[in-house]
mmCIF file of all heavy atoms, coordinates in Angstrom:
data_MODEL
# 
_entry.id   MODEL 
# 
loop_
_atom_site.group_PDB 
_atom_site.id 
_atom_site.type_symbol 
_atom_site.label_atom_id 
_atom_site.label_alt_id 
_atom_site.label_comp_id 
_atom_site.label_asym_id 
_atom_site.label_entity_id 
_atom_site.label_seq_id 
_atom_site.pdbx_PDB_ins_code 
_atom_site.Cartn_x 
_atom_site.Cartn_y 
_atom_site.Cartn_z 
_atom_site.occupancy 
_atom_site.B_iso_or_equiv 
_atom_site.pdbx_formal_charge 
_atom_site.auth_seq_id 
_atom_site.auth_comp_id 
_atom_site.auth_asym_id 
_atom_site.auth_atom_id 
_atom_site.pdbx_PDB_model_num 
ATOM 1   N N   . LEU A 1 1  ? 220.769 418.698 39.061 1.00 0.00 ? 1  LEU A N   1 
ATOM 2   C CA  . LEU A 1 1  ? 219.687 418.017 39.746 1.00 0.00 ? 1  LEU A CA  1 
ATOM 3   C C   . LEU A 1 1  ? 219.628 416.589 39.251 1.00 0.00 ? 1  LEU A C   1 
ATOM 4   O O   . LEU A 1 1  ? 219.983 416.306 38.101 1.00 0.00 ? 1  LEU A O   1 
ATOM 5   C CB  . LEU A 1 1  ? 218.335 418.680 39.489 1.00 0.00 ? 1  LEU A CB  1 
ATOM 6   C CG  . LEU A 1 1  ? 217.999 419.980 40.206 1.00 0.00 ? 1  LEU A CG  1 
ATOM 7   C CD1 . LEU A 1 1  ? 216.679 420.528 39.671 1.00 0.00 ? 1  LEU A CD1 1 
ATOM 8   C CD2 . LEU A 1 1  ? 217.919 419.767 41.711 1.00 0.00 ? 1  LEU A CD2 1 
ATOM 9   N N   . ARG A 1 2  ? 219.163 415.693 40.101 1.00 0.00 ? 2  ARG A N   1 
ATOM 10  C CA  . ARG A 1 2  ? 218.889 414.331 39.686 1.00 0.00 ? 2  ARG A CA  1 
ATOM 11  C C   . ARG A 1 2  ? 217.433 414.014 39.952 1.00 0.00 ? 2  ARG A C   1 
ATOM 12  O O   . ARG A 1 2  ? 216.977 414.040 41.094 1.00 0.00 ? 2  ARG A O   1 
ATOM 13  C CB  . ARG A 1 2  ? 219.774 413.315 40.411 1.00 0.00 ? 2  ARG A CB  1 
ATOM 14  C CG  . ARG A 1 2  ? 219.654 411.911 39.810 1.00 0.00 ? 2  ARG A CG  1 
ATOM 15  C CD  . ARG A 1 2  ? 220.438 410.857 40.562 1.00 0.00 ? 2  ARG A CD  1 
ATOM 16  N NE  . ARG A 1 2  ? 219.795 410.487 41.815 1.00 0.00 ? 2  ARG A NE  1 
ATOM 17  C CZ  . ARG A 1 2  ? 220.072 409.381 42.496 1.00 0.00 ? 2  ARG A CZ  1 
ATOM 18  N NH1 . ARG A 1 2  ? 221.002 408.535 42.044 1.00 0.00 ? 2  ARG A NH1 1 
ATOM 19  N NH2 . ARG A 1 2  ? 219.454 409.130 43.633 1.00 0.00 ? 2  ARG A NH2 1 
ATOM 20  N N   . LEU A 1 3  ? 216.723 413.714 38.892 1.00 0.00 ? 3  LEU A N   1 
ATOM 21  C CA  . LEU A 1 3  ? 215.334 413.325 38.997 1.00 0.00 ? 3  LEU A CA  1 
ATOM 22  C C   . LEU A 1 3  ? 215.221 411.812 39.113 1.00 0.00 ? 3  LEU A C   1 
ATOM 23  O O   . LEU A 1 3  ? 216.001 411.075 38.507 1.00 0.00 ? 3  LEU A O   1 
ATOM 24  C CB  . LEU A 1 3  ? 214.545 413.794 37.778 1.00 0.00 ? 3  LEU A CB  1 
ATOM 25  C CG  . LEU A 1 3  ? 214.615 415.285 37.441 1.00 0.00 ? 3  LEU A CG  1 
ATOM 26  C CD1 . LEU A 1 3  ? 213.716 415.591 36.253 1.00 0.00 ? 3  LEU A CD1 1 
ATOM 27  C CD2 . LEU A 1 3  ? 214.235 416.134 38.645 1.00 0.00 ? 3  LEU A CD2 1 
ATOM 28  N N   . SER A 1 4  ? 214.255 411.378 39.882 1.00 0.00 ? 4  SER A N   1 
ATOM 29  C CA  . SER A 1 4  ? 213.989 409.955 40.042 1.00 0.00 ? 4  SER A CA  1 
ATOM 30  C C   . SER A 1 4  ? 212.560 409.653 39.633 1.00 0.00 ? 4  SER A C   1 
ATOM 31  O O   . SER A 1 4  ? 211.667 410.478 39.810 1.00 0.00 ? 4  SER A O   1 
ATOM 32  C CB  . SER A 1 4  ? 214.205 409.514 41.491 1.00 0.00 ? 4  SER A CB  1 
ATOM 33  O OG  . SER A 1 4  ? 215.535 409.717 41.897 1.00 0.00 ? 4  SER A OG  1 
ATOM 34  N N   . CYS A 1 5  ? 212.360 408.480 39.113 1.00 0.00 ? 5  CYS A N   1 
ATOM 35  C CA  . CYS A 1 5  ? 211.038 408.011 38.728 1.00 0.00 ? 5  CYS A CA  1 
ATOM 36  C C   . CYS A 1 5  ? 210.863 406.607 39.269 1.00 0.00 ? 5  CYS A C   1 
ATOM 37  O O   . CYS A 1 5  ? 211.510 405.669 38.788 1.00 0.00 ? 5  CYS A O   1 
ATOM 38  C CB  . CYS A 1 5  ? 210.882 408.039 37.212 1.00 0.00 ? 5  CYS A CB  1 
ATOM 39  S SG  . CYS A 1 5  ? 209.320 407.357 36.617 1.00 0.00 ? 5  CYS A SG  1 
ATOM 40  N N   . ALA A 1 6  ? 210.015 406.478 40.264 1.00 0.00 ? 6  ALA A N   1 
ATOM 41  C CA  . ALA A 1 6  ? 209.734 405.182 40.857 1.00 0.00 ? 6  ALA A CA  1 
ATOM 42  C C   . ALA A 1 6  ? 208.533 404.565 40.164 1.00 0.00 ? 6  ALA A C   1 
ATOM 43  O O   . ALA A 1 6  ? 207.491 405.197 40.024 1.00 0.00 ? 6  ALA A O   1 
ATOM 44  C CB  . ALA A 1 6  ? 209.468 405.324 42.350 1.00 0.00 ? 6  ALA A CB  1 
ATOM 45  N N   . ALA A 1 7  ? 208.684 403.331 39.750 1.00 0.00 ? 7  ALA A N   1 
ATOM 46  C CA  . ALA A 1 7  ? 207.650 402.646 38.994 1.00 0.00 ? 7  ALA A CA  1 
ATOM 47  C C   . ALA A 1 7  ? 207.112 401.452 39.768 1.00 0.00 ? 7  ALA A C   1 
ATOM 48  O O   . ALA A 1 7  ? 207.829 400.814 40.539 1.00 0.00 ? 7  ALA A O   1 
ATOM 49  C CB  . ALA A 1 7  ? 208.194 402.176 37.644 1.00 0.00 ? 7  ALA A CB  1 
ATOM 50  N N   . SER A 1 8  ? 205.849 401.166 39.542 1.00 0.00 ? 8  SER A N   1 
ATOM 51  C CA  . SER A 1 8  ? 205.253 399.990 40.165 1.00 0.00 ? 8  SER A CA  1 
ATOM 52  C C   . SER A 1 8  ? 205.889 398.715 39.647 1.00 0.00 ? 8  SER A C   1 
ATOM 53  O O   . SER A 1 8  ? 206.183 397.800 40.412 1.00 0.00 ? 8  SER A O   1 
ATOM 54  C CB  . SER A 1 8  ? 203.743 399.973 39.918 1.00 0.00 ? 8  SER A CB  1 
ATOM 55  O OG  . SER A 1 8  ? 203.447 399.996 38.539 1.00 0.00 ? 8  SER A OG  1 
ATOM 56  N N   . VAL A 1 9  ? 206.104 398.669 38.336 1.00 0.00 ? 9  VAL A N   1 
ATOM 57  C CA  . VAL A 1 9  ? 206.741 397.534 37.686 1.00 0.00 ? 9  VAL A CA  1 
ATOM 58  C C   . VAL A 1 9  ? 207.523 398.043 36.477 1.00 0.00 ? 9  VAL A C   1 
ATOM 59  O O   . VAL A 1 9  ? 206.979 398.778 35.649 1.00 0.00 ? 9  VAL A O   1 
ATOM 60  C CB  . VAL A 1 9  ? 205.718 396.476 37.233 1.00 0.00 ? 9  VAL A CB  1 
ATOM 61  C CG1 . VAL A 1 9  ? 206.409 395.371 36.446 1.00 0.00 ? 9  VAL A CG1 1 
ATOM 62  C CG2 . VAL A 1 9  ? 204.978 395.884 38.420 1.00 0.00 ? 9  VAL A CG2 1 
ATOM 63  N N   . LEU A 1 10 ? 208.768 397.668 36.385 1.00 0.00 ? 10 LEU A N   1 
ATOM 64  C CA  . LEU A 1 10 ? 209.579 397.917 35.196 1.00 0.00 ? 10 LEU A CA  1 
ATOM 65  C C   . LEU A 1 10 ? 210.412 396.674 34.933 1.00 0.00 ? 10 LEU A C   1 
ATOM 66  O O   . LEU A 1 10 ? 211.401 396.425 35.619 1.00 0.00 ? 10 LEU A O   1 
ATOM 67  C CB  . LEU A 1 10 ? 210.487 399.124 35.373 1.00 0.00 ? 10 LEU A CB  1 
ATOM 68  C CG  . LEU A 1 10 ? 209.855 400.508 35.257 1.00 0.00 ? 10 LEU A CG  1 
ATOM 69  C CD1 . LEU A 1 10 ? 210.904 401.585 35.498 1.00 0.00 ? 10 LEU A CD1 1 
ATOM 70  C CD2 . LEU A 1 10 ? 209.205 400.704 33.908 1.00 0.00 ? 10 LEU A CD2 1 
ATOM 71  N N   . ASN A 1 11 ? 210.008 395.913 33.956 1.00 0.00 ? 11 ASN A N   1 
ATOM 72  C CA  . ASN A 1 11 ? 210.796 394.744 33.603 1.00 0.00 ? 11 ASN A CA  1 
ATOM 73  C C   . ASN A 1 11 ? 211.755 395.077 32.474 1.00 0.00 ? 11 ASN A C   1 
ATOM 74  O O   . ASN A 1 11 ? 211.778 396.196 31.954 1.00 0.00 ? 11 ASN A O   1 
ATOM 75  C CB  . ASN A 1 11 ? 209.893 393.558 33.254 1.00 0.00 ? 11 ASN A CB  1 
ATOM 76  C CG  . ASN A 1 11 ? 208.993 393.832 32.064 1.00 0.00 ? 11 ASN A CG  1 
ATOM 77  O OD1 . ASN A 1 11 ? 209.404 394.430 31.076 1.00 0.00 ? 11 ASN A OD1 1 
ATOM 78  N ND2 . ASN A 1 11 ? 207.749 393.363 32.155 1.00 0.00 ? 11 ASN A ND2 1 
ATOM 79  N N   . ASN A 1 12 ? 212.560 394.110 32.103 1.00 0.00 ? 12 ASN A N   1 
ATOM 80  C CA  . ASN A 1 12 ? 213.619 394.344 31.128 1.00 0.00 ? 12 ASN A CA  1 
ATOM 81  C C   . ASN A 1 12 ? 213.114 394.559 29.715 1.00 0.00 ? 12 ASN A C   1 
ATOM 82  O O   . ASN A 1 12 ? 213.913 394.857 28.824 1.00 0.00 ? 12 ASN A O   1 
ATOM 83  C CB  . ASN A 1 12 ? 214.608 393.178 31.147 1.00 0.00 ? 12 ASN A CB  1 
ATOM 84  C CG  . ASN A 1 12 ? 215.400 393.108 32.433 1.00 0.00 ? 12 ASN A CG  1 
ATOM 85  O OD1 . ASN A 1 12 ? 215.587 394.113 33.115 1.00 0.00 ? 12 ASN A OD1 1 
ATOM 86  N ND2 . ASN A 1 12 ? 215.882 391.917 32.762 1.00 0.00 ? 12 ASN A ND2 1 
ATOM 87  N N   . PHE A 1 13 ? 211.842 394.423 29.505 1.00 0.00 ? 13 PHE A N   1 
ATOM 88  C CA  . PHE A 1 13 ? 211.260 394.577 28.178 1.00 0.00 ? 13 PHE A CA  1 
ATOM 89  C C   . PHE A 1 13 ? 210.742 395.995 27.933 1.00 0.00 ? 13 PHE A C   1 
ATOM 90  O O   . PHE A 1 13 ? 210.398 396.341 26.807 1.00 0.00 ? 13 PHE A O   1 
ATOM 91  C CB  . PHE A 1 13 ? 210.141 393.559 27.982 1.00 0.00 ? 13 PHE A CB  1 
ATOM 92  C CG  . PHE A 1 13 ? 209.745 393.327 26.554 1.00 0.00 ? 13 PHE A CG  1 
ATOM 93  C CD1 . PHE A 1 13 ? 210.698 393.028 25.596 1.00 0.00 ? 13 PHE A CD1 1 
ATOM 94  C CD2 . PHE A 1 13 ? 208.425 393.397 26.166 1.00 0.00 ? 13 PHE A CD2 1 
ATOM 95  C CE1 . PHE A 1 13 ? 210.343 392.802 24.273 1.00 0.00 ? 13 PHE A CE1 1 
ATOM 96  C CE2 . PHE A 1 13 ? 208.047 393.173 24.849 1.00 0.00 ? 13 PHE A CE2 1 
ATOM 97  C CZ  . PHE A 1 13 ? 209.007 392.878 23.905 1.00 0.00 ? 13 PHE A CZ  1 
ATOM 98  N N   . TYR A 1 14 ? 210.692 396.823 28.955 1.00 0.00 ? 14 TYR A N   1 
ATOM 99  C CA  . TYR A 1 14 ? 210.103 398.151 28.839 1.00 0.00 ? 14 TYR A CA  1 
ATOM 100 C C   . TYR A 1 14 ? 211.062 399.165 28.236 1.00 0.00 ? 14 TYR A C   1 
ATOM 101 O O   . TYR A 1 14 ? 212.282 399.041 28.316 1.00 0.00 ? 14 TYR A O   1 
ATOM 102 C CB  . TYR A 1 14 ? 209.645 398.649 30.208 1.00 0.00 ? 14 TYR A CB  1 
ATOM 103 C CG  . TYR A 1 14 ? 208.261 398.195 30.597 1.00 0.00 ? 14 TYR A CG  1 
ATOM 104 C CD1 . TYR A 1 14 ? 208.043 396.946 31.153 1.00 0.00 ? 14 TYR A CD1 1 
ATOM 105 C CD2 . TYR A 1 14 ? 207.167 399.030 30.410 1.00 0.00 ? 14 TYR A CD2 1 
ATOM 106 C CE1 . TYR A 1 14 ? 206.773 396.527 31.507 1.00 0.00 ? 14 TYR A CE1 1 
ATOM 107 C CE2 . TYR A 1 14 ? 205.898 398.621 30.767 1.00 0.00 ? 14 TYR A CE2 1 
ATOM 108 C CZ  . TYR A 1 14 ? 205.707 397.371 31.314 1.00 0.00 ? 14 TYR A CZ  1 
ATOM 109 O OH  . TYR A 1 14 ? 204.439 396.973 31.667 1.00 0.00 ? 14 TYR A OH  1 
ATOM 110 N N   . VAL A 1 15 ? 210.466 400.186 27.632 1.00 0.00 ? 15 VAL A N   1 
ATOM 111 C CA  . VAL A 1 15 ? 211.166 401.405 27.247 1.00 0.00 ? 15 VAL A CA  1 
ATOM 112 C C   . VAL A 1 15 ? 210.743 402.496 28.222 1.00 0.00 ? 15 VAL A C   1 
ATOM 113 O O   . VAL A 1 15 ? 209.560 402.633 28.536 1.00 0.00 ? 15 VAL A O   1 
ATOM 114 C CB  . VAL A 1 15 ? 210.852 401.809 25.804 1.00 0.00 ? 15 VAL A CB  1 
ATOM 115 C CG1 . VAL A 1 15 ? 211.473 403.158 25.462 1.00 0.00 ? 15 VAL A CG1 1 
ATOM 116 C CG2 . VAL A 1 15 ? 211.349 400.737 24.847 1.00 0.00 ? 15 VAL A CG2 1 
ATOM 117 N N   . ILE A 1 16 ? 211.697 403.268 28.695 1.00 0.00 ? 16 ILE A N   1 
ATOM 118 C CA  . ILE A 1 16 ? 211.433 404.341 29.637 1.00 0.00 ? 16 ILE A CA  1 
ATOM 119 C C   . ILE A 1 16 ? 211.863 405.667 29.027 1.00 0.00 ? 16 ILE A C   1 
ATOM 120 O O   . ILE A 1 16 ? 212.732 405.712 28.156 1.00 0.00 ? 16 ILE A O   1 
ATOM 121 C CB  . ILE A 1 16 ? 212.153 404.121 30.974 1.00 0.00 ? 16 ILE A CB  1 
ATOM 122 C CG1 . ILE A 1 16 ? 213.665 403.987 30.750 1.00 0.00 ? 16 ILE A CG1 1 
ATOM 123 C CG2 . ILE A 1 16 ? 211.605 402.874 31.665 1.00 0.00 ? 16 ILE A CG2 1 
ATOM 124 C CD1 . ILE A 1 16 ? 214.474 403.883 32.021 1.00 0.00 ? 16 ILE A CD1 1 
ATOM 125 N N   . GLY A 1 17 ? 211.266 406.752 29.508 1.00 0.00 ? 17 GLY A N   1 
ATOM 126 C CA  . GLY A 1 17 ? 211.605 408.045 28.953 1.00 0.00 ? 17 GLY A CA  1 
ATOM 127 C C   . GLY A 1 17 ? 211.371 409.190 29.917 1.00 0.00 ? 17 GLY A C   1 
ATOM 128 O O   . GLY A 1 17 ? 210.607 409.070 30.878 1.00 0.00 ? 17 GLY A O   1 
ATOM 129 N N   . TRP A 1 18 ? 212.062 410.275 29.638 1.00 0.00 ? 18 TRP A N   1 
ATOM 130 C CA  . TRP A 1 18 ? 211.866 411.540 30.328 1.00 0.00 ? 18 TRP A CA  1 
ATOM 131 C C   . TRP A 1 18 ? 211.432 412.595 29.327 1.00 0.00 ? 18 TRP A C   1 
ATOM 132 O O   . TRP A 1 18 ? 212.028 412.722 28.251 1.00 0.00 ? 18 TRP A O   1 
ATOM 133 C CB  . TRP A 1 18 ? 213.139 412.003 31.035 1.00 0.00 ? 18 TRP A CB  1 
ATOM 134 C CG  . TRP A 1 18 ? 213.437 411.264 32.294 1.00 0.00 ? 18 TRP A CG  1 
ATOM 135 C CD1 . TRP A 1 18 ? 214.298 410.221 32.452 1.00 0.00 ? 18 TRP A CD1 1 
ATOM 136 C CD2 . TRP A 1 18 ? 212.879 411.514 33.589 1.00 0.00 ? 18 TRP A CD2 1 
ATOM 137 N NE1 . TRP A 1 18 ? 214.316 409.802 33.756 1.00 0.00 ? 18 TRP A NE1 1 
ATOM 138 C CE2 . TRP A 1 18 ? 213.451 410.582 34.481 1.00 0.00 ? 18 TRP A CE2 1 
ATOM 139 C CE3 . TRP A 1 18 ? 211.956 412.440 34.085 1.00 0.00 ? 18 TRP A CE3 1 
ATOM 140 C CZ2 . TRP A 1 18 ? 213.131 410.546 35.834 1.00 0.00 ? 18 TRP A CZ2 1 
ATOM 141 C CZ3 . TRP A 1 18 ? 211.627 412.401 35.432 1.00 0.00 ? 18 TRP A CZ3 1 
ATOM 142 C CH2 . TRP A 1 18 ? 212.208 411.467 36.286 1.00 0.00 ? 18 TRP A CH2 1 
ATOM 143 N N   . PHE A 1 19 ? 210.419 413.348 29.700 1.00 0.00 ? 19 PHE A N   1 
ATOM 144 C CA  . PHE A 1 19 ? 209.879 414.407 28.868 1.00 0.00 ? 19 PHE A CA  1 
ATOM 145 C C   . PHE A 1 19 ? 209.745 415.668 29.702 1.00 0.00 ? 19 PHE A C   1 
ATOM 146 O O   . PHE A 1 19 ? 209.749 415.615 30.923 1.00 0.00 ? 19 PHE A O   1 
ATOM 147 C CB  . PHE A 1 19 ? 208.517 414.004 28.292 1.00 0.00 ? 19 PHE A CB  1 
ATOM 148 C CG  . PHE A 1 19 ? 208.573 412.788 27.420 1.00 0.00 ? 19 PHE A CG  1 
ATOM 149 C CD1 . PHE A 1 19 ? 208.589 411.517 27.971 1.00 0.00 ? 19 PHE A CD1 1 
ATOM 150 C CD2 . PHE A 1 19 ? 208.620 412.913 26.041 1.00 0.00 ? 19 PHE A CD2 1 
ATOM 151 C CE1 . PHE A 1 19 ? 208.650 410.392 27.168 1.00 0.00 ? 19 PHE A CE1 1 
ATOM 152 C CE2 . PHE A 1 19 ? 208.679 411.795 25.227 1.00 0.00 ? 19 PHE A CE2 1 
ATOM 153 C CZ  . PHE A 1 19 ? 208.699 410.538 25.788 1.00 0.00 ? 19 PHE A CZ  1 
ATOM 154 N N   . ARG A 1 20 ? 209.611 416.787 29.022 1.00 0.00 ? 20 ARG A N   1 
ATOM 155 C CA  . ARG A 1 20 ? 209.398 418.031 29.735 1.00 0.00 ? 20 ARG A CA  1 
ATOM 156 C C   . ARG A 1 20 ? 208.469 418.932 28.950 1.00 0.00 ? 20 ARG A C   1 
ATOM 157 O O   . ARG A 1 20 ? 208.365 418.844 27.734 1.00 0.00 ? 20 ARG A O   1 
ATOM 158 C CB  . ARG A 1 20 ? 210.728 418.747 30.004 1.00 0.00 ? 20 ARG A CB  1 
ATOM 159 C CG  . ARG A 1 20 ? 211.452 419.240 28.762 1.00 0.00 ? 20 ARG A CG  1 
ATOM 160 C CD  . ARG A 1 20 ? 212.816 419.794 29.147 1.00 0.00 ? 20 ARG A CD  1 
ATOM 161 N NE  . ARG A 1 20 ? 213.531 420.341 28.005 1.00 0.00 ? 20 ARG A NE  1 
ATOM 162 C CZ  . ARG A 1 20 ? 214.780 420.783 28.041 1.00 0.00 ? 20 ARG A CZ  1 
ATOM 163 N NH1 . ARG A 1 20 ? 215.451 420.732 29.191 1.00 0.00 ? 20 ARG A NH1 1 
ATOM 164 N NH2 . ARG A 1 20 ? 215.349 421.268 26.954 1.00 0.00 ? 20 ARG A NH2 1 
ATOM 165 N N   . GLN A 1 21 ? 207.804 419.804 29.686 1.00 0.00 ? 21 GLN A N   1 
ATOM 166 C CA  . GLN A 1 21 ? 206.890 420.739 29.072 1.00 0.00 ? 21 GLN A CA  1 
ATOM 167 C C   . GLN A 1 21 ? 206.928 422.057 29.833 1.00 0.00 ? 21 GLN A C   1 
ATOM 168 O O   . GLN A 1 21 ? 206.654 422.101 31.028 1.00 0.00 ? 21 GLN A O   1 
ATOM 169 C CB  . GLN A 1 21 ? 205.462 420.191 29.047 1.00 0.00 ? 21 GLN A CB  1 
ATOM 170 C CG  . GLN A 1 21 ? 204.502 421.039 28.241 1.00 0.00 ? 21 GLN A CG  1 
ATOM 171 C CD  . GLN A 1 21 ? 203.215 420.309 27.919 1.00 0.00 ? 21 GLN A CD  1 
ATOM 172 O OE1 . GLN A 1 21 ? 202.812 419.399 28.651 1.00 0.00 ? 21 GLN A OE1 1 
ATOM 173 N NE2 . GLN A 1 21 ? 202.573 420.694 26.834 1.00 0.00 ? 21 GLN A NE2 1 
ATOM 174 N N   . ALA A 1 22 ? 207.285 423.106 29.122 1.00 0.00 ? 22 ALA A N   1 
ATOM 175 C CA  . ALA A 1 22 ? 207.284 424.446 29.671 1.00 0.00 ? 22 ALA A CA  1 
ATOM 176 C C   . ALA A 1 22 ? 205.962 425.124 29.332 1.00 0.00 ? 22 ALA A C   1 
ATOM 177 O O   . ALA A 1 22 ? 205.284 424.745 28.368 1.00 0.00 ? 22 ALA A O   1 
ATOM 178 C CB  . ALA A 1 22 ? 208.454 425.247 29.109 1.00 0.00 ? 22 ALA A CB  1 
ATOM 179 N N   . PRO A 1 23 ? 205.569 426.135 30.102 1.00 0.00 ? 23 PRO A N   1 
ATOM 180 C CA  . PRO A 1 23 ? 204.305 426.826 29.820 1.00 0.00 ? 23 PRO A CA  1 
ATOM 181 C C   . PRO A 1 23 ? 204.254 427.344 28.390 1.00 0.00 ? 23 PRO A C   1 
ATOM 182 O O   . PRO A 1 23 ? 205.182 428.004 27.921 1.00 0.00 ? 23 PRO A O   1 
ATOM 183 C CB  . PRO A 1 23 ? 204.302 427.971 30.830 1.00 0.00 ? 23 PRO A CB  1 
ATOM 184 C CG  . PRO A 1 23 ? 205.139 427.465 31.965 1.00 0.00 ? 23 PRO A CG  1 
ATOM 185 C CD  . PRO A 1 23 ? 206.223 426.654 31.313 1.00 0.00 ? 23 PRO A CD  1 
ATOM 186 N N   . GLY A 1 24 ? 203.174 427.045 27.703 1.00 0.00 ? 24 GLY A N   1 
ATOM 187 C CA  . GLY A 1 24 ? 203.002 427.495 26.336 1.00 0.00 ? 24 GLY A CA  1 
ATOM 188 C C   . GLY A 1 24 ? 203.800 426.734 25.303 1.00 0.00 ? 24 GLY A C   1 
ATOM 189 O O   . GLY A 1 24 ? 203.761 427.089 24.124 1.00 0.00 ? 24 GLY A O   1 
ATOM 190 N N   . LYS A 1 25 ? 204.515 425.696 25.722 1.00 0.00 ? 25 LYS A N   1 
ATOM 191 C CA  . LYS A 1 25 ? 205.334 424.918 24.804 1.00 0.00 ? 25 LYS A CA  1 
ATOM 192 C C   . LYS A 1 25 ? 204.796 423.498 24.686 1.00 0.00 ? 25 LYS A C   1 
ATOM 193 O O   . LYS A 1 25 ? 204.097 423.004 25.566 1.00 0.00 ? 25 LYS A O   1 
ATOM 194 C CB  . LYS A 1 25 ? 206.784 424.873 25.285 1.00 0.00 ? 25 LYS A CB  1 
ATOM 195 C CG  . LYS A 1 25 ? 207.421 426.228 25.504 1.00 0.00 ? 25 LYS A CG  1 
ATOM 196 C CD  . LYS A 1 25 ? 207.617 426.970 24.206 1.00 0.00 ? 25 LYS A CD  1 
ATOM 197 C CE  . LYS A 1 25 ? 208.349 428.281 24.437 1.00 0.00 ? 25 LYS A CE  1 
ATOM 198 N NZ  . LYS A 1 25 ? 208.561 429.020 23.174 1.00 0.00 ? 25 LYS A NZ  1 
ATOM 199 N N   . GLU A 1 26 ? 205.139 422.857 23.596 1.00 0.00 ? 26 GLU A N   1 
ATOM 200 C CA  . GLU A 1 26 ? 204.745 421.471 23.408 1.00 0.00 ? 26 GLU A CA  1 
ATOM 201 C C   . GLU A 1 26 ? 205.650 420.563 24.217 1.00 0.00 ? 26 GLU A C   1 
ATOM 202 O O   . GLU A 1 26 ? 206.773 420.923 24.586 1.00 0.00 ? 26 GLU A O   1 
ATOM 203 C CB  . GLU A 1 26 ? 204.789 421.094 21.931 1.00 0.00 ? 26 GLU A CB  1 
ATOM 204 C CG  . GLU A 1 26 ? 206.175 421.145 21.321 1.00 0.00 ? 26 GLU A CG  1 
ATOM 205 C CD  . GLU A 1 26 ? 206.174 420.818 19.840 1.00 0.00 ? 26 GLU A CD  1 
ATOM 206 O OE1 . GLU A 1 26 ? 205.077 420.645 19.276 1.00 0.00 ? 26 GLU A OE1 1 
ATOM 207 O OE2 . GLU A 1 26 ? 207.266 420.735 19.251 1.00 0.00 ? 26 GLU A OE2 1 
ATOM 208 N N   . ARG A 1 27 ? 205.163 419.366 24.488 1.00 0.00 ? 27 ARG A N   1 
ATOM 209 C CA  . ARG A 1 27 ? 205.944 418.406 25.234 1.00 0.00 ? 27 ARG A CA  1 
ATOM 210 C C   . ARG A 1 27 ? 207.152 417.965 24.417 1.00 0.00 ? 27 ARG A C   1 
ATOM 211 O O   . ARG A 1 27 ? 207.043 417.673 23.221 1.00 0.00 ? 27 ARG A O   1 
ATOM 212 C CB  . ARG A 1 27 ? 205.086 417.213 25.616 1.00 0.00 ? 27 ARG A CB  1 
ATOM 213 C CG  . ARG A 1 27 ? 205.790 416.201 26.501 1.00 0.00 ? 27 ARG A CG  1 
ATOM 214 C CD  . ARG A 1 27 ? 204.793 415.247 27.146 1.00 0.00 ? 27 ARG A CD  1 
ATOM 215 N NE  . ARG A 1 27 ? 203.914 415.935 28.078 1.00 0.00 ? 27 ARG A NE  1 
ATOM 216 C CZ  . ARG A 1 27 ? 203.028 415.322 28.849 1.00 0.00 ? 27 ARG A CZ  1 
ATOM 217 N NH1 . ARG A 1 27 ? 202.891 414.004 28.795 1.00 0.00 ? 27 ARG A NH1 1 
ATOM 218 N NH2 . ARG A 1 27 ? 202.267 416.034 29.666 1.00 0.00 ? 27 ARG A NH2 1 
# 
């Protein structure tokens, strides 16, 4: 699968990340 994240603004100074959380689990 390929996930996409569209942002209002992302300049070259930002850090971006992907996280996940399953039921009963921590992020």
